[in-house]
Amino acid sequence: MWLEGKDTWNKWVKEHPVANVDFSEVDFSKERNKKFPIAFVGFNFPSGKVYFFNATFGDGEVSFSRATFSNGNYIFRKITCKGHADFSCITEINRVKALDFKGSVFEKTLDLSYNSLSCIIDLTNTKMNNHVSLVLPPHFYALQSSVAVMKKIQR
């Protein structure tokens, strides 16, 4: 159903708000268009368990930017990304119970920027050949500034 596009996918999720989704062992690189990344941009995922266990994304970019991760467990265990992996600006990520990249391989940047996580990201035994970007969302900095001002006032 992923190949049918965001609108078809999101319609299915709206009809099935609680469901498990399994992309385990999928080789997304076979579906890659050389000009465009593997993109889940704007895709909504249901509450439940979402598996990408041992999925392969190939040489180019993979993007989950601005996807909606609902209340559930997101298992990206043992995935292989040879290109940039963009998990920035995920909607409702503060409701995620688990975000698991255990044993995965990222040959380029893993971007987790602008997310307010309520769970610990599991990067156990994950191979990184580049950096992980963890830029915090702007409201985090505003909150930190407010806390600093309150401490000064209390003194």
C-alpha atoms as a PDB file:
ATOM      1  CA  MET A   1       0.000   0.000   0.000  1.00  0.00           C
ATOM      2  CA  TRP A   2       3.001   2.287   0.592  1.00  0.00           C
ATOM      3  CA  LEU A   3       3.616   2.351  -3.154  1.00  0.00           C
ATOM      4  CA  GLU A   4       0.122   3.740  -3.739  1.00  0.00           C
ATOM      5  CA  GLY A   5       1.195   6.956  -2.034  1.00  0.00           C
ATOM      6  CA  LYS A   6       0.553   9.084   1.012  1.00  0.00           C
ATOM      7  CA  ASP A   7      -3.143   9.783   0.391  1.00  0.00           C
ATOM      8  CA  THR A   8      -4.101   6.116  -0.005  1.00  0.00           C
ATOM      9  CA  TRP A   9      -1.945   5.150   2.979  1.00  0.00           C
ATOM     10  CA  ASN A  10      -3.331   7.890   5.233  1.00  0.00           C
ATOM     11  CA  LYS A  11      -6.906   6.987   4.280  1.00  0.00           C
ATOM     12  CA  TRP A  12      -6.228   3.392   5.358  1.00  0.00           C
ATOM     13  CA  VAL A  13      -4.728   4.588   8.671  1.00  0.00           C
ATOM     14  CA  LYS A  14      -7.756   6.805   9.295  1.00  0.00           C
ATOM     15  CA  GLU A  15      -9.960   3.720   8.832  1.00  0.00           C
ATOM     16  CA  HIS A  16      -7.590   1.586  10.980  1.00  0.00           C
ATOM     17  CA  PRO A  17      -6.237   3.925  13.707  1.00  0.00           C
ATOM     18  CA  VAL A  18      -5.012   1.003  15.813  1.00  0.00           C
ATOM     19  CA  ALA A  19      -3.059  -1.525  13.759  1.00  0.00           C
ATOM     20  CA  ASN A  20       0.316  -3.161  13.468  1.00  0.00           C
ATOM     21  CA  VAL A  21       2.333  -2.413  10.327  1.00  0.00           C
ATOM     22  CA  ASP A  22       5.135  -4.711   9.214  1.00  0.00           C
ATOM     23  CA  PHE A  23       7.798  -3.699   6.689  1.00  0.00           C
ATOM     24  CA  SER A  24      10.266  -6.295   8.038  1.00  0.00           C
ATOM     25  CA  GLU A  25      12.799  -7.584   5.506  1.00  0.00           C
ATOM     26  CA  VAL A  26      11.554  -5.170   2.802  1.00  0.00           C
ATOM     27  CA  ASP A  27      14.225  -4.036   0.352  1.00  0.00           C
ATOM     28  CA  PHE A  28      13.040  -0.484  -0.385  1.00  0.00           C
ATOM     29  CA  SER A  29      16.062   0.087  -2.619  1.00  0.00           C
ATOM     30  CA  LYS A  30      14.273  -1.922  -5.331  1.00  0.00           C
ATOM     31  CA  GLU A  31      11.579   0.779  -5.422  1.00  0.00           C
ATOM     32  CA  ARG A  32      13.972   3.721  -5.389  1.00  0.00           C
ATOM     33  CA  ASN A  33      13.629   6.353  -8.082  1.00  0.00           C
ATOM     34  CA  LYS A  34      17.137   7.652  -8.729  1.00  0.00           C
ATOM     35  CA  LYS A  35      15.951  11.279  -8.609  1.00  0.00           C
ATOM     36  CA  PHE A  36      13.909  11.032  -5.405  1.00  0.00           C
ATOM     37  CA  PRO A  37      14.450   9.568  -1.934  1.00  0.00           C
ATOM     38  CA  ILE A  38      12.468   6.762  -0.361  1.00  0.00           C
ATOM     39  CA  ALA A  39       9.900   9.010   1.256  1.00  0.00           C
ATOM     40  CA  PHE A  40       7.385   8.546   4.034  1.00  0.00           C
ATOM     41  CA  VAL A  41       7.081  12.338   4.293  1.00  0.00           C
ATOM     42  CA  GLY A  42       3.612  13.228   5.584  1.00  0.00           C
ATOM     43  CA  PHE A  43       2.611   9.595   6.097  1.00  0.00           C
ATOM     44  CA  ASN A  44       0.505   8.849   9.187  1.00  0.00           C
ATOM     45  CA  PHE A  45       1.238   5.677  11.106  1.00  0.00           C
ATOM     46  CA  PRO A  46      -1.376   3.966  13.280  1.00  0.00           C
ATOM     47  CA  SER A  47      -1.133   3.325  16.997  1.00  0.00           C
ATOM     48  CA  GLY A  48       0.362  -0.092  17.522  1.00  0.00           C
ATOM     49  CA  LYS A  49       3.636  -1.656  16.497  1.00  0.00           C
ATOM     50  CA  VAL A  50       5.393  -0.479  13.355  1.00  0.00           C
ATOM     51  CA  TYR A  51       8.163  -2.793  12.202  1.00  0.00           C
ATOM     52  CA  PHE A  52      10.952  -2.012   9.768  1.00  0.00           C
ATOM     53  CA  PHE A  53      13.064  -4.879  11.133  1.00  0.00           C
ATOM     54  CA  ASN A  54      16.003  -5.671   8.830  1.00  0.00           C
ATOM     55  CA  ALA A  55      14.665  -3.362   6.091  1.00  0.00           C
ATOM     56  CA  THR A  56      17.130  -2.078   3.490  1.00  0.00           C
ATOM     57  CA  PHE A  57      16.899   1.445   2.103  1.00  0.00           C
ATOM     58  CA  GLY A  58      19.855   1.341  -0.295  1.00  0.00           C
ATOM     59  CA  ASP A  59      22.154   4.114  -1.482  1.00  0.00           C
ATOM     60  CA  GLY A  60      19.967   7.223  -1.491  1.00  0.00           C
ATOM     61  CA  GLU A  61      18.147   9.248   1.134  1.00  0.00           C
ATOM     62  CA  VAL A  62      15.253   7.896   3.187  1.00  0.00           C
ATOM     63  CA  SER A  63      12.896  10.419   4.766  1.00  0.00           C
ATOM     64  CA  PHE A  64      10.295  10.121   7.495  1.00  0.00           C
ATOM     65  CA  SER A  65      10.328  13.901   8.024  1.00  0.00           C
ATOM     66  CA  ARG A  66       6.932  15.307   9.037  1.00  0.00           C
ATOM     67  CA  ALA A  67       5.433  11.822   9.270  1.00  0.00           C
ATOM     68  CA  THR A  68       2.997  11.239  12.144  1.00  0.00           C
ATOM     69  CA  PHE A  69       4.125   8.592  14.604  1.00  0.00           C
ATOM     70  CA  SER A  70       1.133   7.829  16.809  1.00  0.00           C
ATOM     71  CA  ASN A  71       1.051   6.176  20.194  1.00  0.00           C
ATOM     72  CA  GLY A  72       3.033   2.998  19.596  1.00  0.00           C
ATOM     73  CA  ASN A  73       6.343   1.212  19.212  1.00  0.00           C
ATOM     74  CA  TYR A  74       8.535   1.964  16.197  1.00  0.00           C
ATOM     75  CA  ILE A  75      11.054  -0.777  15.516  1.00  0.00           C
ATOM     76  CA  PHE A  76      13.765   0.121  12.983  1.00  0.00           C
ATOM     77  CA  ARG A  77      16.034  -2.624  14.302  1.00  0.00           C
ATOM     78  CA  LYS A  78      18.859  -3.808  12.001  1.00  0.00           C
ATOM     79  CA  ILE A  79      17.955  -1.494   9.128  1.00  0.00           C
ATOM     80  CA  THR A  80      20.588  -0.477   6.595  1.00  0.00           C
ATOM     81  CA  CYS A  81      20.721   3.107   5.299  1.00  0.00           C
ATOM     82  CA  LYS A  82      23.559   3.952   2.943  1.00  0.00           C
ATOM     83  CA  GLY A  83      22.239   7.484   2.357  1.00  0.00           C
ATOM     84  CA  HIS A  84      21.049  10.278   4.643  1.00  0.00           C
ATOM     85  CA  ALA A  85      18.298   9.090   7.036  1.00  0.00           C
ATOM     86  CA  ASP A  86      15.886  11.918   7.885  1.00  0.00           C
ATOM     87  CA  PHE A  87      13.651  11.417  10.920  1.00  0.00           C
ATOM     88  CA  SER A  88      13.327  15.143  11.655  1.00  0.00           C
ATOM     89  CA  CYS A  89      10.146  17.003  12.620  1.00  0.00           C
ATOM     90  CA  ILE A  90       8.071  13.898  13.282  1.00  0.00           C
ATOM     91  CA  THR A  91       4.533  14.804  14.324  1.00  0.00           C
ATOM     92  CA  GLU A  92       3.239  13.460  17.650  1.00  0.00           C
ATOM     93  CA  ILE A  93       6.568  11.781  18.419  1.00  0.00           C
ATOM     94  CA  ASN A  94       6.049  12.739  22.061  1.00  0.00           C
ATOM     95  CA  ARG A  95       3.426   9.941  22.175  1.00  0.00           C
ATOM     96  CA  VAL A  96       5.827   7.233  20.938  1.00  0.00           C
ATOM     97  CA  LYS A  97       6.483   4.472  23.472  1.00  0.00           C
ATOM     98  CA  ALA A  98       9.638   3.087  21.820  1.00  0.00           C
ATOM     99  CA  LEU A  99      11.966   4.173  19.018  1.00  0.00           C
ATOM    100  CA  ASP A 100      14.388   1.329  18.373  1.00  0.00           C
ATOM    101  CA  PHE A 101      17.352   1.468  15.961  1.00  0.00           C
ATOM    102  CA  LYS A 102      19.243  -1.351  17.703  1.00  0.00           C
ATOM    103  CA  GLY A 103      21.860  -3.000  15.468  1.00  0.00           C
ATOM    104  CA  SER A 104      21.192  -0.694  12.507  1.00  0.00           C
ATOM    105  CA  VAL A 105      23.772   0.672  10.070  1.00  0.00           C
ATOM    106  CA  PHE A 106      23.788   4.339   9.031  1.00  0.00           C
ATOM    107  CA  GLU A 107      26.512   5.159   6.527  1.00  0.00           C
ATOM    108  CA  LYS A 108      25.557   8.843   6.364  1.00  0.00           C
ATOM    109  CA  THR A 109      23.841  11.254   8.745  1.00  0.00           C
ATOM    110  CA  LEU A 110      20.975  10.148  10.975  1.00  0.00           C
ATOM    111  CA  ASP A 111      18.839  13.259  11.513  1.00  0.00           C
ATOM    112  CA  LEU A 112      16.545  13.191  14.545  1.00  0.00           C
ATOM    113  CA  SER A 113      16.311  16.994  14.817  1.00  0.00           C
ATOM    114  CA  TYR A 114      13.326  18.986  16.017  1.00  0.00           C
ATOM    115  CA  ASN A 115      11.657  16.150  17.872  1.00  0.00           C
ATOM    116  CA  SER A 116      10.330  16.240  21.447  1.00  0.00           C
ATOM    117  CA  LEU A 117      10.853  12.650  22.449  1.00  0.00           C
ATOM    118  CA  SER A 118       9.181  11.100  25.468  1.00  0.00           C
ATOM    119  CA  CYS A 119      11.097   7.836  25.126  1.00  0.00           C
ATOM    120  CA  ILE A 120      14.741   6.878  24.967  1.00  0.00           C
ATOM    121  CA  ILE A 121      16.033   6.157  21.477  1.00  0.00           C
ATOM    122  CA  ASP A 122      17.675   2.737  21.460  1.00  0.00           C
ATOM    123  CA  LEU A 123      20.906   2.947  19.473  1.00  0.00           C
ATOM    124  CA  THR A 124      22.515  -0.137  21.060  1.00  0.00           C
ATOM    125  CA  ASN A 125      25.068  -1.705  18.692  1.00  0.00           C
ATOM    126  CA  THR A 126      24.152   0.772  15.959  1.00  0.00           C
ATOM    127  CA  LYS A 127      26.942   1.509  13.497  1.00  0.00           C
ATOM    128  CA  MET A 128      27.312   5.181  12.618  1.00  0.00           C
ATOM    129  CA  ASN A 129      29.738   6.188   9.888  1.00  0.00           C
ATOM    130  CA  ASN A 130      28.726   9.833  10.205  1.00  0.00           C
ATOM    131  CA  HIS A 131      27.065  12.002  12.825  1.00  0.00           C
ATOM    132  CA  VAL A 132      23.648  11.988  14.487  1.00  0.00           C
ATOM    133  CA  SER A 133      21.828  15.320  14.449  1.00  0.00           C
ATOM    134  CA  LEU A 134      19.788  15.964  17.582  1.00  0.00           C
ATOM    135  CA  VAL A 135      18.887  19.653  17.310  1.00  0.00           C
ATOM    136  CA  LEU A 136      16.129  20.339  19.807  1.00  0.00           C
ATOM    137  CA  PRO A 137      12.835  22.005  18.885  1.00  0.00           C
ATOM    138  CA  PRO A 138      12.565  25.793  19.438  1.00  0.00           C
ATOM    139  CA  HIS A 139      10.007  25.433  22.252  1.00  0.00           C
ATOM    140  CA  PHE A 140      12.626  23.500  24.249  1.00  0.00           C
ATOM    141  CA  TYR A 141      14.931  26.522  24.194  1.00  0.00           C
ATOM    142  CA  ALA A 142      12.047  28.801  25.180  1.00  0.00           C
ATOM    143  CA  LEU A 143      11.301  26.497  28.110  1.00  0.00           C
ATOM    144  CA  GLN A 144      14.954  26.492  29.172  1.00  0.00           C
ATOM    145  CA  SER A 145      15.015  30.311  29.028  1.00  0.00           C
ATOM    146  CA  SER A 146      11.855  30.501  31.142  1.00  0.00           C
ATOM    147  CA  VAL A 147      13.387  28.181  33.748  1.00  0.00           C
ATOM    148  CA  ALA A 148      16.563  30.311  33.872  1.00  0.00           C
ATOM    149  CA  VAL A 149      14.508  33.502  34.359  1.00  0.00           C
ATOM    150  CA  MET A 150      12.444  31.873  37.132  1.00  0.00           C
ATOM    151  CA  LYS A 151      15.630  30.826  38.936  1.00  0.00           C
ATOM    152  CA  LYS A 152      16.944  34.412  38.800  1.00  0.00           C
ATOM    153  CA  ILE A 153      13.652  35.773  40.134  1.00  0.00           C
ATOM    154  CA  GLN A 154      13.692  33.309  43.026  1.00  0.00           C
ATOM    155  CA  ARG A 155      17.165  34.475  44.088  1.00  0.00           C
END
